[in-house]
Every structure is written in structure tokens, then in C-alpha cells.
Amino acid sequence: MSSIGSPSPFFLAGKKAYQVERSLRFNDDDGAYLQETAGTPTNNKIWTYSVWVKRTTLSGDQAILVGYSNAASFDQILFSSSSGRDNQIFMQFNNSGTYGQFTSTRVFRDVGAWGHLVIKADTTAGSNGVTVYWNNEVVAGTWNVTLAQDATFHSLNQSGDNFRIGHLASAVANHYLDGYLAEVNFIDGQAYDPSYFGKTDAATGQWNPKQYTGSYGTNGFYLNFSDNSGTTATTLGKDLSGNGNNFTPNNFSVSAGFDNDSVEDTPTNNFPTFNPLYKNSSGSYEGNASLTNGNLAHSSVGSETNAYATFALPSSGKYYWEVRLSSINT
């Protein structure tokens, strides 16, 4: 099922649009995350992280990418709703005990669409040498603490430390991601803008994925979650960059049926989910609905049981949808 405005799977301007086949669903209730140990980097001062994201829960802090040494020593990139932040991107990088700390101006609350996040790092270019992009636009923000020129990153892309996607185990909390990720690229030793990973559709003006074709550097990786024959580092967590930097999946399922975290909801094939932002006329959240499993499951926690989807009902054409009832109170 393609979303309104999503790229056509047919030919555009004489070429077939690039199709993303699968994404990976991260359930915070399951404690799901990916982990891999970094080797000696090509360049610890220069790297690029590109990922497509579809958010499902907007509360708390949720890890997008973490360089992890231990619970008291890490670099972090989060969607943050703590310390006065409201679903903003928050980054904190440690350099010899001095932190560079960035908070975005804009907020990220869309739970119905996929978005493209790129973090471009090059501290050799000057102080605060990290640029954030969302759907090919620079994300403005404030450096609350300056990241020094020529700073090396303490734990991110650092030999012997862990790359973690979807989890930060800090001394005070577990920051699990709740949402979907697709087309995960990390480039070690190059600072690239979003044009290496996406392009604008000439007909619609929409920012779409494209396949990255450059080199990855020593610690670089590409995860597309295409092999869902198992939940091992050589199947679901397999690195397709050619480097063999496979990630160990933790607490994911590829069992047939509802609990399968390997899904076809992608940036080029967006699926409807239940909408946690829908409110009734009184301003309260509609139906006291409890939404789980990537907003695909709804259960009632009160007398009302309403839940609404992120897509409106089309006024024409033929469409298919289905709902499975797992239990009912009578």
C-alpha cells in the first residue's frame, strides 16, 4: 500500500524509482536495539549518518545513534522530550571531558510519515562542526555547549566502543527507540550532505530515497534489513556495505504474524497506523486508547475504544485493509 504522495513504483522520467523493500520496527517495550563494536576508524573527526525514520511514540528520550563505552561515557543522538525539550533532536558529544551539546529549534512530532535524517560531522572545518538535515533541509538549533574545532569523538566511531542503534543505557535511564528505521548508512571518513542518499522527485517535489553508491571507510555500514530469515548478525543485522560490520539484533522477532518486526512499511511504501495524536473536541486523547507494536495494536484502557488511522479514507478507487481482533470484553 503506497501513501498519498509516496513515490510511484512505476517509471518516472524514464527510470524506475528506487524502492525500499523493508524496514525494522523498534518496540521500546521489548527493549529492542542493534549493536556492533567499532574497529580503528578511517577518521574519527569526519563521518556521516543517514537514516529514514518513522516515529510512533513521542514521549521520553529515544536513541537514534549512540557511541557507547559504558553507562557514564557515551556520545548520543536522540529524539528528546526531557529537560524542557519537546521532541527535538538532541546531540551530545564528549571530547576529553568537554561536551559539545546541540538542541534543535524545530520539533519532530509526525507519526504518519517517513522522514530522512542526516548527521554530517567534520570537526576539522571549525567549531560545532556537525550539521543536521531533515528531508534535505538544514535543521537549525543551538549549541548549548561548544564542540571544539578538531575535536575527536569520545565514543562514536571510536575503536573498541559500540555503535548502538535504538538504545542508550545511561546511568539514569534506558532510552529505547519506538518507531521504524530503514536505509541505515554510516560513512566513516567522509562528510556528506543528503544528496548522496536522496533526491527530489521532479514531478511532485517530494524528497525520496536513493541508493548510496560511494565508499564506506573502515567502520562504515549499510543496513537494509532485507534478510529476515533470522535475528542474527548475519541475517537481520547484516552489513551490506562490504565491510562485514554486522550488527547484533537484540529483542527483535521475525516470527510470522503480528509480532514480526521486519515489515514492508517503508519510505517508498508508507502504511497507515493508529494515530496517537488524534484528539476529540474536548482536547483529550481520543478513546483512552493504548497503542503498541509500532501503533499497529490498539487496546482499551477505559470505557471508550476508539482509535483512528494516520490515513484518511480515500474518496475513490479500490483499497484493501484488514483488522485482526485478538480479544474482546463482553
C-alpha atoms as a PDB file:
ATOM      1  CA  MET A   1       0.000   0.000   0.000  1.00  0.00           C
ATOM      2  CA  SER A   2       1.529   3.339  -1.050  1.00  0.00           C
ATOM      3  CA  SER A   3       0.808   6.518   0.813  1.00  0.00           C
ATOM      4  CA  ILE A   4      -0.575   9.645  -0.786  1.00  0.00           C
ATOM      5  CA  GLY A   5       2.434  11.451  -2.227  1.00  0.00           C
ATOM      6  CA  SER A   6       4.794   8.496  -1.922  1.00  0.00           C
ATOM      7  CA  PRO A   7       6.910   7.644  -4.961  1.00  0.00           C
ATOM      8  CA  SER A   8       5.281   5.609  -7.687  1.00  0.00           C
ATOM      9  CA  PRO A   9       6.705   2.130  -8.108  1.00  0.00           C
ATOM     10  CA  PHE A  10       6.483   2.642 -11.853  1.00  0.00           C
ATOM     11  CA  PHE A  11       8.753   4.539 -14.197  1.00  0.00           C
ATOM     12  CA  LEU A  12       9.456   8.196 -13.512  1.00  0.00           C
ATOM     13  CA  ALA A  13      11.174  10.252 -16.204  1.00  0.00           C
ATOM     14  CA  GLY A  14      12.219   7.039 -17.953  1.00  0.00           C
ATOM     15  CA  LYS A  15      13.795   5.415 -14.881  1.00  0.00           C
ATOM     16  CA  LYS A  16      12.301   3.151 -12.271  1.00  0.00           C
ATOM     17  CA  ALA A  17      12.099   4.778  -8.852  1.00  0.00           C
ATOM     18  CA  TYR A  18      14.340   3.295  -6.167  1.00  0.00           C
ATOM     19  CA  GLN A  19      12.223   1.108  -3.895  1.00  0.00           C
ATOM     20  CA  VAL A  20      12.973   0.424  -0.236  1.00  0.00           C
ATOM     21  CA  GLU A  21      11.701  -3.085   0.429  1.00  0.00           C
ATOM     22  CA  ARG A  22      11.822  -3.399   4.227  1.00  0.00           C
ATOM     23  CA  SER A  23      12.182  -1.542   7.486  1.00  0.00           C
ATOM     24  CA  LEU A  24      12.822  -2.671  11.052  1.00  0.00           C
ATOM     25  CA  ARG A  25      10.325  -1.926  13.814  1.00  0.00           C
ATOM     26  CA  PHE A  26      11.781  -0.948  17.195  1.00  0.00           C
ATOM     27  CA  ASN A  27       9.473  -1.614  20.154  1.00  0.00           C
ATOM     28  CA  ASP A  28      10.569   0.186  23.294  1.00  0.00           C
ATOM     29  CA  ASP A  29       8.510  -2.248  25.394  1.00  0.00           C
ATOM     30  CA  ASP A  30      10.620  -5.102  24.004  1.00  0.00           C
ATOM     31  CA  GLY A  31      13.940  -3.351  24.678  1.00  0.00           C
ATOM     32  CA  ALA A  32      14.904  -3.717  21.004  1.00  0.00           C
ATOM     33  CA  TYR A  33      18.219  -2.370  19.672  1.00  0.00           C
ATOM     34  CA  LEU A  34      21.181  -3.106  17.395  1.00  0.00           C
ATOM     35  CA  GLN A  35      24.849  -3.177  18.452  1.00  0.00           C
ATOM     36  CA  GLU A  36      28.256  -3.517  16.799  1.00  0.00           C
ATOM     37  CA  THR A  37      31.821  -2.930  18.037  1.00  0.00           C
ATOM     38  CA  ALA A  38      33.853  -0.366  16.103  1.00  0.00           C
ATOM     39  CA  GLY A  39      37.350  -1.010  14.796  1.00  0.00           C
ATOM     40  CA  THR A  40      40.062   1.575  14.189  1.00  0.00           C
ATOM     41  CA  PRO A  41      38.293   4.391  12.302  1.00  0.00           C
ATOM     42  CA  THR A  42      39.291   5.853   8.980  1.00  0.00           C
ATOM     43  CA  ASN A  43      38.818   9.293  10.544  1.00  0.00           C
ATOM     44  CA  ASN A  44      37.270   9.854  13.957  1.00  0.00           C
ATOM     45  CA  LYS A  45      36.704  13.558  13.206  1.00  0.00           C
ATOM     46  CA  ILE A  46      34.755  13.057   9.960  1.00  0.00           C
ATOM     47  CA  TRP A  47      31.703  10.842   9.372  1.00  0.00           C
ATOM     48  CA  THR A  48      28.105  10.822   8.058  1.00  0.00           C
ATOM     49  CA  TYR A  49      24.999   9.075   9.375  1.00  0.00           C
ATOM     50  CA  SER A  50      21.924   8.738   7.148  1.00  0.00           C
ATOM     51  CA  VAL A  51      18.682   7.024   8.203  1.00  0.00           C
ATOM     52  CA  TRP A  52      14.984   7.072   7.298  1.00  0.00           C
ATOM     53  CA  VAL A  53      12.726   7.263  10.363  1.00  0.00           C
ATOM     54  CA  LYS A  54       9.036   6.840  11.097  1.00  0.00           C
ATOM     55  CA  ARG A  55       8.215   7.734  14.700  1.00  0.00           C
ATOM     56  CA  THR A  56       5.440   6.071  16.729  1.00  0.00           C
ATOM     57  CA  THR A  57       5.765   7.275  20.334  1.00  0.00           C
ATOM     58  CA  LEU A  58       6.626  10.868  21.259  1.00  0.00           C
ATOM     59  CA  SER A  59       7.389  10.561  24.958  1.00  0.00           C
ATOM     60  CA  GLY A  60      10.763  10.350  26.682  1.00  0.00           C
ATOM     61  CA  ASP A  61      14.227  10.248  25.134  1.00  0.00           C
ATOM     62  CA  GLN A  62      14.773   7.862  22.204  1.00  0.00           C
ATOM     63  CA  ALA A  63      18.200   6.942  20.866  1.00  0.00           C
ATOM     64  CA  ILE A  64      18.822   7.331  17.127  1.00  0.00           C
ATOM     65  CA  LEU A  65      22.562   6.629  17.225  1.00  0.00           C
ATOM     66  CA  VAL A  66      24.889   6.168  20.179  1.00  0.00           C
ATOM     67  CA  GLY A  67      28.617   5.696  20.564  1.00  0.00           C
ATOM     68  CA  TYR A  68      28.778   3.665  23.760  1.00  0.00           C
ATOM     69  CA  SER A  69      31.710   2.987  26.065  1.00  0.00           C
ATOM     70  CA  ASN A  70      29.810   2.492  29.313  1.00  0.00           C
ATOM     71  CA  ALA A  71      26.808   3.874  31.213  1.00  0.00           C
ATOM     72  CA  ALA A  72      28.745   7.010  32.165  1.00  0.00           C
ATOM     73  CA  SER A  73      30.721   7.526  28.945  1.00  0.00           C
ATOM     74  CA  PHE A  74      28.990   7.880  25.569  1.00  0.00           C
ATOM     75  CA  ASP A  75      28.106  10.110  22.622  1.00  0.00           C
ATOM     76  CA  GLN A  76      24.399  10.379  21.863  1.00  0.00           C
ATOM     77  CA  ILE A  77      21.937  11.496  19.193  1.00  0.00           C
ATOM     78  CA  LEU A  78      18.327  11.424  20.429  1.00  0.00           C
ATOM     79  CA  PHE A  79      14.764  12.463  19.843  1.00  0.00           C
ATOM     80  CA  SER A  80      14.353  14.145  23.225  1.00  0.00           C
ATOM     81  CA  SER A  81      11.337  15.066  25.328  1.00  0.00           C
ATOM     82  CA  SER A  82      13.127  15.598  28.630  1.00  0.00           C
ATOM     83  CA  SER A  83      14.897  18.556  30.283  1.00  0.00           C
ATOM     84  CA  GLY A  84      12.438  21.026  28.763  1.00  0.00           C
ATOM     85  CA  ARG A  85      12.726  19.653  25.209  1.00  0.00           C
ATOM     86  CA  ASP A  86       9.655  18.815  23.132  1.00  0.00           C
ATOM     87  CA  ASN A  87      10.524  16.071  20.622  1.00  0.00           C
ATOM     88  CA  GLN A  88      13.613  17.928  19.468  1.00  0.00           C
ATOM     89  CA  ILE A  89      16.825  16.407  18.190  1.00  0.00           C
ATOM     90  CA  PHE A  90      19.417  16.483  20.949  1.00  0.00           C
ATOM     91  CA  MET A  91      23.097  15.649  20.424  1.00  0.00           C
ATOM     92  CA  GLN A  92      25.861  15.407  22.994  1.00  0.00           C
ATOM     93  CA  PHE A  93      29.453  14.613  22.102  1.00  0.00           C
ATOM     94  CA  ASN A  94      32.263  14.135  24.607  1.00  0.00           C
ATOM     95  CA  ASN A  95      35.811  15.299  23.850  1.00  0.00           C
ATOM     96  CA  SER A  96      38.325  14.839  26.673  1.00  0.00           C
ATOM     97  CA  GLY A  97      35.635  15.545  29.258  1.00  0.00           C
ATOM     98  CA  THR A  98      34.295  18.621  27.429  1.00  0.00           C
ATOM     99  CA  TYR A  99      30.909  18.167  25.794  1.00  0.00           C
ATOM    100  CA  GLY A 100      29.524  19.622  22.599  1.00  0.00           C
ATOM    101  CA  GLN A 101      25.762  19.867  23.085  1.00  0.00           C
ATOM    102  CA  PHE A 102      23.174  20.720  20.413  1.00  0.00           C
ATOM    103  CA  THR A 103      19.377  21.105  20.647  1.00  0.00           C
ATOM    104  CA  SER A 104      17.288  21.617  17.500  1.00  0.00           C
ATOM    105  CA  THR A 105      14.899  24.528  17.202  1.00  0.00           C
ATOM    106  CA  ARG A 106      12.226  22.564  15.373  1.00  0.00           C
ATOM    107  CA  VAL A 107      10.264  19.672  16.809  1.00  0.00           C
ATOM    108  CA  PHE A 108       9.580  16.244  15.272  1.00  0.00           C
ATOM    109  CA  ARG A 109       6.041  15.042  16.018  1.00  0.00           C
ATOM    110  CA  ASP A 110       4.856  13.489  12.741  1.00  0.00           C
ATOM    111  CA  VAL A 111       3.791   9.877  13.368  1.00  0.00           C
ATOM    112  CA  GLY A 112       2.248   9.282   9.936  1.00  0.00           C
ATOM    113  CA  ALA A 113       5.147   9.924   7.571  1.00  0.00           C
ATOM    114  CA  TRP A 114       8.712   8.853   6.991  1.00  0.00           C
ATOM    115  CA  GLY A 115      11.482  11.430   7.333  1.00  0.00           C
ATOM    116  CA  HIS A 116      15.131  11.419   6.278  1.00  0.00           C
ATOM    117  CA  LEU A 117      17.707  12.310   8.925  1.00  0.00           C
ATOM    118  CA  VAL A 118      21.322  13.038   8.025  1.00  0.00           C
ATOM    119  CA  ILE A 119      24.043  13.942  10.533  1.00  0.00           C
ATOM    120  CA  LYS A 120      27.174  15.302   8.814  1.00  0.00           C
ATOM    121  CA  ALA A 121      30.239  15.606  11.068  1.00  0.00           C
ATOM    122  CA  ASP A 122      33.526  17.333  10.214  1.00  0.00           C
ATOM    123  CA  THR A 123      35.187  18.967  13.200  1.00  0.00           C
ATOM    124  CA  THR A 124      38.229  19.896  11.102  1.00  0.00           C
ATOM    125  CA  ALA A 125      36.034  22.528   9.402  1.00  0.00           C
ATOM    126  CA  GLY A 126      35.612  24.580  12.604  1.00  0.00           C
ATOM    127  CA  SER A 127      33.905  24.598  15.965  1.00  0.00           C
ATOM    128  CA  ASN A 128      30.446  22.980  16.165  1.00  0.00           C
ATOM    129  CA  GLY A 129      31.320  21.062  13.001  1.00  0.00           C
ATOM    130  CA  VAL A 130      28.191  18.882  12.944  1.00  0.00           C
ATOM    131  CA  THR A 131      25.243  19.655  10.638  1.00  0.00           C
ATOM    132  CA  VAL A 132      21.776  18.116  10.981  1.00  0.00           C
ATOM    133  CA  TYR A 133      19.444  17.697   7.979  1.00  0.00           C
ATOM    134  CA  TRP A 134      15.801  16.594   7.845  1.00  0.00           C
ATOM    135  CA  ASN A 135      14.329  15.863   4.400  1.00  0.00           C
ATOM    136  CA  ASN A 136      17.200  17.726   2.737  1.00  0.00           C
ATOM    137  CA  GLU A 137      16.809  20.874   4.858  1.00  0.00           C
ATOM    138  CA  VAL A 138      19.313  22.077   7.448  1.00  0.00           C
ATOM    139  CA  VAL A 139      17.888  21.802  10.965  1.00  0.00           C
ATOM    140  CA  ALA A 140      18.576  24.962  12.945  1.00  0.00           C
ATOM    141  CA  GLY A 141      19.419  24.753  16.606  1.00  0.00           C
ATOM    142  CA  THR A 142      21.537  25.962  19.489  1.00  0.00           C
ATOM    143  CA  TRP A 143      24.905  24.712  20.637  1.00  0.00           C
ATOM    144  CA  ASN A 144      24.387  24.943  24.380  1.00  0.00           C
ATOM    145  CA  VAL A 145      27.989  23.794  24.830  1.00  0.00           C
ATOM    146  CA  THR A 146      30.534  24.364  22.050  1.00  0.00           C
ATOM    147  CA  LEU A 147      32.105  21.441  20.218  1.00  0.00           C
ATOM    148  CA  ALA A 148      35.717  22.452  19.637  1.00  0.00           C
ATOM    149  CA  GLN A 149      37.432  22.529  16.266  1.00  0.00           C
ATOM    150  CA  ASP A 150      39.382  19.323  15.531  1.00  0.00           C
ATOM    151  CA  ALA A 151      37.588  17.507  18.342  1.00  0.00           C
ATOM    152  CA  THR A 152      37.711  13.731  18.210  1.00  0.00           C
ATOM    153  CA  PHE A 153      34.572  11.918  19.243  1.00  0.00           C
ATOM    154  CA  HIS A 154      34.965  10.105  22.531  1.00  0.00           C
ATOM    155  CA  SER A 155      32.839   7.009  21.863  1.00  0.00           C
ATOM    156  CA  LEU A 156      31.172   7.421  18.466  1.00  0.00           C
ATOM    157  CA  ASN A 157      33.264   5.799  15.705  1.00  0.00           C
ATOM    158  CA  GLN A 158      35.930   5.048  18.297  1.00  0.00           C
ATOM    159  CA  SER A 159      37.924   1.815  18.279  1.00  0.00           C
ATOM    160  CA  GLY A 160      36.660  -0.726  20.810  1.00  0.00           C
ATOM    161  CA  ASP A 161      33.469   1.176  21.652  1.00  0.00           C
ATOM    162  CA  ASN A 162      29.998   0.188  20.489  1.00  0.00           C
ATOM    163  CA  PHE A 163      27.744   1.592  17.834  1.00  0.00           C
ATOM    164  CA  ARG A 164      24.213   1.319  19.232  1.00  0.00           C
ATOM    165  CA  ILE A 165      21.069   1.999  17.243  1.00  0.00           C
ATOM    166  CA  GLY A 166      17.852   2.358  19.251  1.00  0.00           C
ATOM    167  CA  HIS A 167      19.241   2.264  22.798  1.00  0.00           C
ATOM    168  CA  LEU A 168      21.250   4.284  25.278  1.00  0.00           C
ATOM    169  CA  ALA A 169      21.800   2.655  28.671  1.00  0.00           C
ATOM    170  CA  SER A 170      22.837   5.703  30.663  1.00  0.00           C
ATOM    171  CA  ALA A 171      23.420   5.829  34.390  1.00  0.00           C
ATOM    172  CA  VAL A 172      19.877   7.148  34.881  1.00  0.00           C
ATOM    173  CA  ALA A 173      17.638   5.598  32.197  1.00  0.00           C
ATOM    174  CA  ASN A 174      17.237   3.299  29.183  1.00  0.00           C
ATOM    175  CA  HIS A 175      16.441   5.409  26.132  1.00  0.00           C
ATOM    176  CA  TYR A 176      14.863   2.923  23.722  1.00  0.00           C
ATOM    177  CA  LEU A 177      13.647   3.966  20.285  1.00  0.00           C
ATOM    178  CA  ASP A 178       9.974   3.428  19.448  1.00  0.00           C
ATOM    179  CA  GLY A 179       9.471   3.557  15.702  1.00  0.00           C
ATOM    180  CA  TYR A 180      10.650   2.250  12.343  1.00  0.00           C
ATOM    181  CA  LEU A 181      14.067   2.633  10.683  1.00  0.00           C
ATOM    182  CA  ALA A 182      15.102   1.985   7.072  1.00  0.00           C
ATOM    183  CA  GLU A 183      18.129   2.534   4.808  1.00  0.00           C
ATOM    184  CA  VAL A 184      20.711   2.979   7.587  1.00  0.00           C
ATOM    185  CA  ASN A 185      24.076   4.242   6.277  1.00  0.00           C
ATOM    186  CA  PHE A 186      27.191   5.232   8.234  1.00  0.00           C
ATOM    187  CA  ILE A 187      30.131   6.636   6.263  1.00  0.00           C
ATOM    188  CA  ASP A 188      33.490   6.667   8.075  1.00  0.00           C
ATOM    189  CA  GLY A 189      35.875   9.396   6.886  1.00  0.00           C
ATOM    190  CA  GLN A 190      33.553  11.423   4.620  1.00  0.00           C
ATOM    191  CA  ALA A 191      31.181  14.306   5.422  1.00  0.00           C
ATOM    192  CA  TYR A 192      28.253  14.129   3.009  1.00  0.00           C
ATOM    193  CA  ASP A 193      25.053  16.132   2.573  1.00  0.00           C
ATOM    194  CA  PRO A 194      21.675  14.404   1.946  1.00  0.00           C
ATOM    195  CA  SER A 195      22.068  14.417  -1.850  1.00  0.00           C
ATOM    196  CA  TYR A 196      24.199  11.274  -1.569  1.00  0.00           C
ATOM    197  CA  PHE A 197      21.236   9.383  -0.076  1.00  0.00           C
ATOM    198  CA  GLY A 198      18.133  11.020  -1.548  1.00  0.00           C
ATOM    199  CA  LYS A 199      16.775  13.127  -4.380  1.00  0.00           C
ATOM    200  CA  THR A 200      13.820  15.359  -5.177  1.00  0.00           C
ATOM    201  CA  ASP A 201      11.092  13.983  -7.425  1.00  0.00           C
ATOM    202  CA  ALA A 202      10.820  16.390 -10.349  1.00  0.00           C
ATOM    203  CA  ALA A 203       7.055  15.877 -10.676  1.00  0.00           C
ATOM    204  CA  THR A 204       5.962  16.024  -7.028  1.00  0.00           C
ATOM    205  CA  GLY A 205       8.782  17.919  -5.292  1.00  0.00           C
ATOM    206  CA  GLN A 206       8.960  15.140  -2.693  1.00  0.00           C
ATOM    207  CA  TRP A 207      12.270  14.078  -1.149  1.00  0.00           C
ATOM    208  CA  ASN A 208      12.786  10.369  -1.917  1.00  0.00           C
ATOM    209  CA  PRO A 209      15.418   7.753  -1.076  1.00  0.00           C
ATOM    210  CA  LYS A 210      18.137   6.790  -3.484  1.00  0.00           C
ATOM    211  CA  GLN A 211      20.812   4.151  -3.095  1.00  0.00           C
ATOM    212  CA  TYR A 212      24.181   5.330  -1.803  1.00  0.00           C
ATOM    213  CA  THR A 213      26.953   4.169  -4.141  1.00  0.00           C
ATOM    214  CA  GLY A 214      30.126   5.563  -2.587  1.00  0.00           C
ATOM    215  CA  SER A 215      32.756   4.077  -0.285  1.00  0.00           C
ATOM    216  CA  TYR A 216      32.139   3.483   3.419  1.00  0.00           C
ATOM    217  CA  GLY A 217      35.533   3.683   5.161  1.00  0.00           C
ATOM    218  CA  THR A 218      36.671   1.169   7.758  1.00  0.00           C
ATOM    219  CA  ASN A 219      33.799   1.436  10.255  1.00  0.00           C
ATOM    220  CA  GLY A 220      31.073   2.265   7.734  1.00  0.00           C
ATOM    221  CA  PHE A 221      27.971   0.116   7.372  1.00  0.00           C
ATOM    222  CA  TYR A 222      24.731  -0.231   5.426  1.00  0.00           C
ATOM    223  CA  LEU A 223      21.701  -1.929   6.980  1.00  0.00           C
ATOM    224  CA  ASN A 224      18.561  -2.522   4.917  1.00  0.00           C
ATOM    225  CA  PHE A 225      17.110  -5.428   6.972  1.00  0.00           C
ATOM    226  CA  SER A 226      16.380  -7.414   3.815  1.00  0.00           C
ATOM    227  CA  ASP A 227      17.291 -10.821   5.288  1.00  0.00           C
ATOM    228  CA  ASN A 228      14.578 -11.693   7.786  1.00  0.00           C
ATOM    229  CA  SER A 229      15.334 -15.411   7.841  1.00  0.00           C
ATOM    230  CA  GLY A 230      16.648 -14.974  11.403  1.00  0.00           C
ATOM    231  CA  THR A 231      17.550 -12.462  14.088  1.00  0.00           C
ATOM    232  CA  THR A 232      21.319 -12.906  13.941  1.00  0.00           C
ATOM    233  CA  ALA A 233      24.145 -10.572  12.997  1.00  0.00           C
ATOM    234  CA  THR A 234      24.445 -12.315   9.624  1.00  0.00           C
ATOM    235  CA  THR A 235      20.730 -12.131   8.800  1.00  0.00           C
ATOM    236  CA  LEU A 236      18.620  -9.272  10.167  1.00  0.00           C
ATOM    237  CA  GLY A 237      21.706  -7.317  11.302  1.00  0.00           C
ATOM    238  CA  LYS A 238      23.836  -7.971   8.214  1.00  0.00           C
ATOM    239  CA  ASP A 239      26.014  -5.115   6.939  1.00  0.00           C
ATOM    240  CA  LEU A 240      25.714  -4.809   3.160  1.00  0.00           C
ATOM    241  CA  SER A 241      28.466  -2.212   2.720  1.00  0.00           C
ATOM    242  CA  GLY A 242      31.056  -4.902   2.014  1.00  0.00           C
ATOM    243  CA  ASN A 243      32.842  -4.231   5.313  1.00  0.00           C
ATOM    244  CA  GLY A 244      31.217  -7.031   7.274  1.00  0.00           C
ATOM    245  CA  ASN A 245      30.394  -4.710  10.178  1.00  0.00           C
ATOM    246  CA  ASN A 246      27.368  -6.781  11.116  1.00  0.00           C
ATOM    247  CA  PHE A 247      25.118  -5.661  13.979  1.00  0.00           C
ATOM    248  CA  THR A 248      23.794  -7.969  16.673  1.00  0.00           C
ATOM    249  CA  PRO A 249      19.993  -7.621  16.942  1.00  0.00           C
ATOM    250  CA  ASN A 250      18.622  -7.626  20.483  1.00  0.00           C
ATOM    251  CA  ASN A 251      14.969  -8.449  21.268  1.00  0.00           C
ATOM    252  CA  PHE A 252      13.598  -8.427  17.732  1.00  0.00           C
ATOM    253  CA  SER A 253      11.243 -11.025  16.263  1.00  0.00           C
ATOM    254  CA  VAL A 254      10.854 -12.271  12.694  1.00  0.00           C
ATOM    255  CA  SER A 255       8.182 -14.830  13.575  1.00  0.00           C
ATOM    256  CA  ALA A 256       5.347 -14.990  11.092  1.00  0.00           C
ATOM    257  CA  GLY A 257       2.383 -12.893  12.134  1.00  0.00           C
ATOM    258  CA  PHE A 258       1.694  -9.852  14.229  1.00  0.00           C
ATOM    259  CA  ASP A 259       4.948  -9.814  16.223  1.00  0.00           C
ATOM    260  CA  ASN A 260       7.178  -9.720  13.153  1.00  0.00           C
ATOM    261  CA  ASP A 261       9.436  -6.653  13.397  1.00  0.00           C
ATOM    262  CA  SER A 262      10.668  -6.973   9.797  1.00  0.00           C
ATOM    263  CA  VAL A 263       7.981  -5.091   7.892  1.00  0.00           C
ATOM    264  CA  GLU A 264       7.135  -3.684   4.463  1.00  0.00           C
ATOM    265  CA  ASP A 265       6.232  -0.229   5.805  1.00  0.00           C
ATOM    266  CA  THR A 266       8.990   1.849   4.191  1.00  0.00           C
ATOM    267  CA  PRO A 267       9.730   5.376   2.890  1.00  0.00           C
ATOM    268  CA  THR A 268       8.548   4.264  -0.570  1.00  0.00           C
ATOM    269  CA  ASN A 269       5.579   2.207   0.661  1.00  0.00           C
ATOM    270  CA  ASN A 270       4.149   4.024   3.669  1.00  0.00           C
ATOM    271  CA  PHE A 271       1.464   2.135   5.606  1.00  0.00           C
ATOM    272  CA  PRO A 272      -1.270   3.579   7.832  1.00  0.00           C
ATOM    273  CA  THR A 273      -1.016   3.013  11.561  1.00  0.00           C
ATOM    274  CA  PHE A 274      -3.148   4.102  14.501  1.00  0.00           C
ATOM    275  CA  ASN A 275      -2.620   7.782  15.266  1.00  0.00           C
ATOM    276  CA  PRO A 276      -1.608   8.632  18.845  1.00  0.00           C
ATOM    277  CA  LEU A 277      -2.073  12.354  18.143  1.00  0.00           C
ATOM    278  CA  TYR A 278      -5.786  12.233  17.286  1.00  0.00           C
ATOM    279  CA  LYS A 279      -7.807  14.267  19.799  1.00  0.00           C
ATOM    280  CA  ASN A 280     -11.518  14.710  20.286  1.00  0.00           C
ATOM    281  CA  SER A 281     -13.318  18.045  20.506  1.00  0.00           C
ATOM    282  CA  SER A 282     -12.707  18.335  24.253  1.00  0.00           C
ATOM    283  CA  GLY A 283      -8.952  18.183  23.700  1.00  0.00           C
ATOM    284  CA  SER A 284      -8.384  14.896  25.473  1.00  0.00           C
ATOM    285  CA  TYR A 285      -6.796  11.950  23.694  1.00  0.00           C
ATOM    286  CA  GLU A 286      -9.461  10.055  21.835  1.00  0.00           C
ATOM    287  CA  GLY A 287     -10.815   6.879  23.328  1.00  0.00           C
ATOM    288  CA  ASN A 288      -8.206   6.372  26.069  1.00  0.00           C
ATOM    289  CA  ALA A 289      -6.554   4.081  23.532  1.00  0.00           C
ATOM    290  CA  SER A 290      -3.364   2.233  24.382  1.00  0.00           C
ATOM    291  CA  LEU A 291      -1.294   1.859  21.191  1.00  0.00           C
ATOM    292  CA  THR A 292       1.596  -0.609  20.917  1.00  0.00           C
ATOM    293  CA  ASN A 293       3.633  -2.616  18.387  1.00  0.00           C
ATOM    294  CA  GLY A 294       4.523   0.329  16.170  1.00  0.00           C
ATOM    295  CA  ASN A 295       0.986   1.732  16.559  1.00  0.00           C
ATOM    296  CA  LEU A 296      -0.454  -1.355  14.893  1.00  0.00           C
ATOM    297  CA  ALA A 297      -2.148  -2.643  18.051  1.00  0.00           C
ATOM    298  CA  HIS A 298      -4.914  -0.910  19.971  1.00  0.00           C
ATOM    299  CA  SER A 299      -6.398  -1.858  23.318  1.00  0.00           C
ATOM    300  CA  SER A 300      -8.896  -0.058  25.503  1.00  0.00           C
ATOM    301  CA  VAL A 301      -7.870   1.239  28.914  1.00  0.00           C
ATOM    302  CA  GLY A 302     -11.244   2.802  29.642  1.00  0.00           C
ATOM    303  CA  SER A 303     -14.881   2.734  28.636  1.00  0.00           C
ATOM    304  CA  GLU A 304     -14.182   4.062  25.112  1.00  0.00           C
ATOM    305  CA  THR A 305     -12.328   2.099  22.467  1.00  0.00           C
ATOM    306  CA  ASN A 306     -11.980   4.484  19.524  1.00  0.00           C
ATOM    307  CA  ALA A 307      -8.740   4.655  17.555  1.00  0.00           C
ATOM    308  CA  TYR A 308      -8.126   6.444  14.253  1.00  0.00           C
ATOM    309  CA  ALA A 309      -5.642   5.808  11.459  1.00  0.00           C
ATOM    310  CA  THR A 310      -2.992   8.157  10.077  1.00  0.00           C
ATOM    311  CA  PHE A 311      -4.566   7.976   6.589  1.00  0.00           C
ATOM    312  CA  ALA A 312      -7.925   9.437   5.604  1.00  0.00           C
ATOM    313  CA  LEU A 313     -10.391   7.173   3.786  1.00  0.00           C
ATOM    314  CA  PRO A 314      -9.924   7.698   0.026  1.00  0.00           C
ATOM    315  CA  SER A 315     -12.958   9.046  -1.842  1.00  0.00           C
ATOM    316  CA  SER A 316     -12.409   6.866  -4.912  1.00  0.00           C
ATOM    317  CA  GLY A 317     -10.527   3.845  -6.146  1.00  0.00           C
ATOM    318  CA  LYS A 318     -10.132   0.376  -4.637  1.00  0.00           C
ATOM    319  CA  TYR A 319      -8.227  -0.237  -1.434  1.00  0.00           C
ATOM    320  CA  TYR A 320      -7.695  -3.173   0.882  1.00  0.00           C
ATOM    321  CA  TRP A 321      -7.307  -3.200   4.650  1.00  0.00           C
ATOM    322  CA  GLU A 322      -7.776  -5.693   7.418  1.00  0.00           C
ATOM    323  CA  VAL A 323      -8.069  -5.787  11.213  1.00  0.00           C
ATOM    324  CA  ARG A 324      -7.476  -8.766  13.495  1.00  0.00           C
ATOM    325  CA  LEU A 325      -9.480  -8.979  16.709  1.00  0.00           C
ATOM    326  CA  SER A 326      -7.398 -10.763  19.341  1.00  0.00           C
ATOM    327  CA  SER A 327      -9.730 -10.411  22.344  1.00  0.00           C
ATOM    328  CA  ILE A 328     -12.963  -8.733  23.403  1.00  0.00           C
ATOM    329  CA  ASN A 329     -14.727  -7.971  26.678  1.00  0.00           C
ATOM    330  CA  THR A 330     -18.473  -8.692  26.727  1.00  0.00           C
END
